Amino acid sequence: MKNTQPTWQWEAGAVDENGEHIELSYGAAGKHPYESWTPIARLAKPKDHVFTVEWLLKPDAPRYEPMLTATRHDLDFYLVEKAEPNPWAYALYHCNTGVNMYSAVHWSYFPNGRAGKRQANTVIKLSAAQ
């Protein structure tokens, strides 16, 4: 008998912003602070190998298409194609990687909901006067 990993997927649905989730935002980390990034989607912890993604932008608005395309690519890659044994754990790890900071799509973990503290990496700007 083969030991195969389950097939993971994501689908659109509602995500409780007051519960544990990951928020995906779009912006240039080196140029603009987190507060100015555009929230794109919320990602819930998976159930039966399916992640729920709540889109926060209108999917039919042409001006959002580059953001949505980049976000779909990230969701496909990190949750499905990477074939991690525990993609949720990997997504939490990804929230604090350099790749996440320098990508256009940023993943931020909210373990206690949107009102709680955000867990993600940040850009620290050093002043010239030290």
Protein backbone atom coordinates (compact mmCIF):
# COMPACT_ATOMS: atom_id res chain seq x y z
CA MET A 1 0.00 0.00 0.00
CA LYS A 2 1.35 3.41 -0.98
CA ASN A 3 1.72 6.11 1.64
CA THR A 4 0.40 9.13 -0.28
CA GLN A 5 -0.12 12.61 1.03
CA PRO A 6 -3.61 14.11 0.89
CA THR A 7 -4.51 16.55 -1.86
CA TRP A 8 -4.83 20.07 -0.54
CA GLN A 9 -6.96 22.79 -2.11
CA TRP A 10 -8.47 26.17 -1.41
CA GLU A 11 -11.91 27.55 -2.17
CA ALA A 12 -13.76 30.83 -1.77
CA GLY A 13 -15.90 31.28 1.30
CA ALA A 14 -16.38 33.30 4.47
CA VAL A 15 -13.58 33.61 7.04
CA ASP A 16 -14.24 34.88 10.57
CA GLU A 17 -12.01 37.93 11.03
CA ASN A 18 -12.42 37.56 14.80
CA GLY A 19 -10.94 34.07 14.73
CA GLU A 20 -7.52 32.70 13.87
CA HIS A 21 -6.63 33.51 10.27
CA ILE A 22 -3.99 34.78 7.87
CA GLU A 23 -4.51 38.03 6.00
CA LEU A 24 -2.94 38.54 2.58
CA SER A 25 -2.16 42.13 1.59
CA TYR A 26 -0.57 43.74 -1.44
CA GLY A 27 2.03 46.48 -1.26
CA ALA A 28 5.68 47.49 -1.45
CA ALA A 29 7.20 46.80 1.97
CA GLY A 30 10.29 48.91 1.41
CA LYS A 31 8.30 51.95 0.28
CA HIS A 32 5.04 51.87 2.19
CA PRO A 33 4.05 50.81 5.74
CA TYR A 34 1.75 47.86 6.46
CA GLU A 35 -1.18 50.19 7.12
CA SER A 36 -1.15 51.38 3.50
CA TRP A 37 -1.09 47.92 1.89
CA THR A 38 -4.28 46.75 0.21
CA PRO A 39 -5.98 43.84 2.06
CA ILE A 40 -6.78 41.20 -0.56
CA ALA A 41 -7.95 38.07 1.23
CA ARG A 42 -8.33 36.20 4.50
CA LEU A 43 -7.26 32.58 4.82
CA ALA A 44 -8.73 30.21 7.41
CA LYS A 45 -7.15 27.12 8.92
CA PRO A 46 -8.04 24.14 6.73
CA LYS A 47 -10.82 21.63 7.34
CA ASP A 48 -10.58 18.25 5.63
CA HIS A 49 -7.63 19.46 3.50
CA VAL A 50 -9.52 22.51 2.20
CA PHE A 51 -8.55 26.09 3.00
CA THR A 52 -11.26 28.74 2.92
CA VAL A 53 -10.26 32.03 1.27
CA GLU A 54 -12.41 35.12 1.65
CA TRP A 55 -11.74 37.67 -1.08
CA LEU A 56 -11.78 41.25 0.17
CA LEU A 57 -11.63 42.83 -3.31
CA LYS A 58 -14.15 42.64 -6.13
CA PRO A 59 -12.84 39.90 -8.43
CA ASP A 60 -14.31 41.55 -11.53
CA ALA A 61 -12.64 44.96 -11.06
CA PRO A 62 -9.87 45.27 -13.69
CA ARG A 63 -7.70 47.49 -11.48
CA TYR A 64 -7.40 44.66 -8.93
CA GLU A 65 -6.52 41.94 -11.46
CA PRO A 66 -2.70 42.08 -10.92
CA MET A 67 -3.20 41.84 -7.14
CA LEU A 68 -5.65 38.97 -7.41
CA THR A 69 -3.48 37.09 -9.91
CA ALA A 70 -0.43 37.39 -7.66
CA THR A 71 -2.45 36.28 -4.63
CA ARG A 72 -3.93 33.26 -6.43
CA HIS A 73 -0.41 32.31 -7.49
CA ASP A 74 0.79 32.48 -3.87
CA LEU A 75 -2.17 30.44 -2.60
CA ASP A 76 -1.63 27.78 -5.25
CA PHE A 77 2.12 27.60 -4.65
CA TYR A 78 2.30 27.67 -0.83
CA LEU A 79 -0.84 25.67 -0.06
CA VAL A 80 -1.02 23.16 -2.91
CA GLU A 81 1.97 22.90 -5.26
CA LYS A 82 4.68 23.01 -2.60
CA ALA A 83 3.21 19.74 -1.27
CA GLU A 84 4.09 20.41 2.36
CA PRO A 85 2.85 17.73 4.77
CA ASN A 86 1.23 20.50 6.87
CA PRO A 87 0.59 23.53 4.65
CA TRP A 88 -1.02 25.53 7.48
CA ALA A 89 2.16 25.22 9.56
CA TYR A 90 4.18 26.23 6.50
CA ALA A 91 1.89 29.23 5.89
CA LEU A 92 2.48 30.38 9.48
CA TYR A 93 6.23 29.98 8.97
CA HIS A 94 6.00 31.88 5.66
CA CYS A 95 4.48 34.90 7.48
CA ASN A 96 7.93 35.53 9.02
CA THR A 97 10.24 34.86 6.09
CA GLY A 98 12.25 37.32 4.03
CA VAL A 99 10.49 36.08 0.91
CA ASN A 100 7.20 37.21 2.42
CA MET A 101 8.56 40.66 3.21
CA TYR A 102 10.01 41.30 -0.24
CA SER A 103 7.13 39.82 -2.20
CA ALA A 104 4.27 42.03 -3.37
CA VAL A 105 1.82 39.74 -1.55
CA HIS A 106 2.34 39.73 2.22
CA TRP A 107 1.01 37.09 4.62
CA SER A 108 0.20 38.19 8.21
CA TYR A 109 -0.97 35.79 10.90
CA PHE A 110 -3.68 36.83 13.35
CA PRO A 111 -3.80 34.05 15.98
CA ASN A 112 -6.49 35.86 18.01
CA GLY A 113 -8.40 37.53 15.20
CA ARG A 114 -8.13 40.92 13.55
CA ALA A 115 -8.39 42.81 16.87
CA GLY A 116 -5.38 40.90 18.24
CA LYS A 117 -1.69 41.28 17.55
CA ARG A 118 -0.44 40.62 14.02
CA GLN A 119 2.44 38.19 13.64
CA ALA A 120 4.55 38.90 10.58
CA ASN A 121 7.95 40.24 9.68
CA THR A 122 8.44 43.98 9.33
CA VAL A 123 10.86 46.33 7.62
CA ILE A 124 12.94 48.25 10.12
CA LYS A 125 14.32 51.55 8.85
CA LEU A 126 17.52 52.65 10.50
CA SER A 127 18.18 56.33 10.87
CA ALA A 128 21.39 57.85 9.55
CA ALA A 129 22.05 59.44 12.97
CA GLN A 130 23.14 56.71 15.35
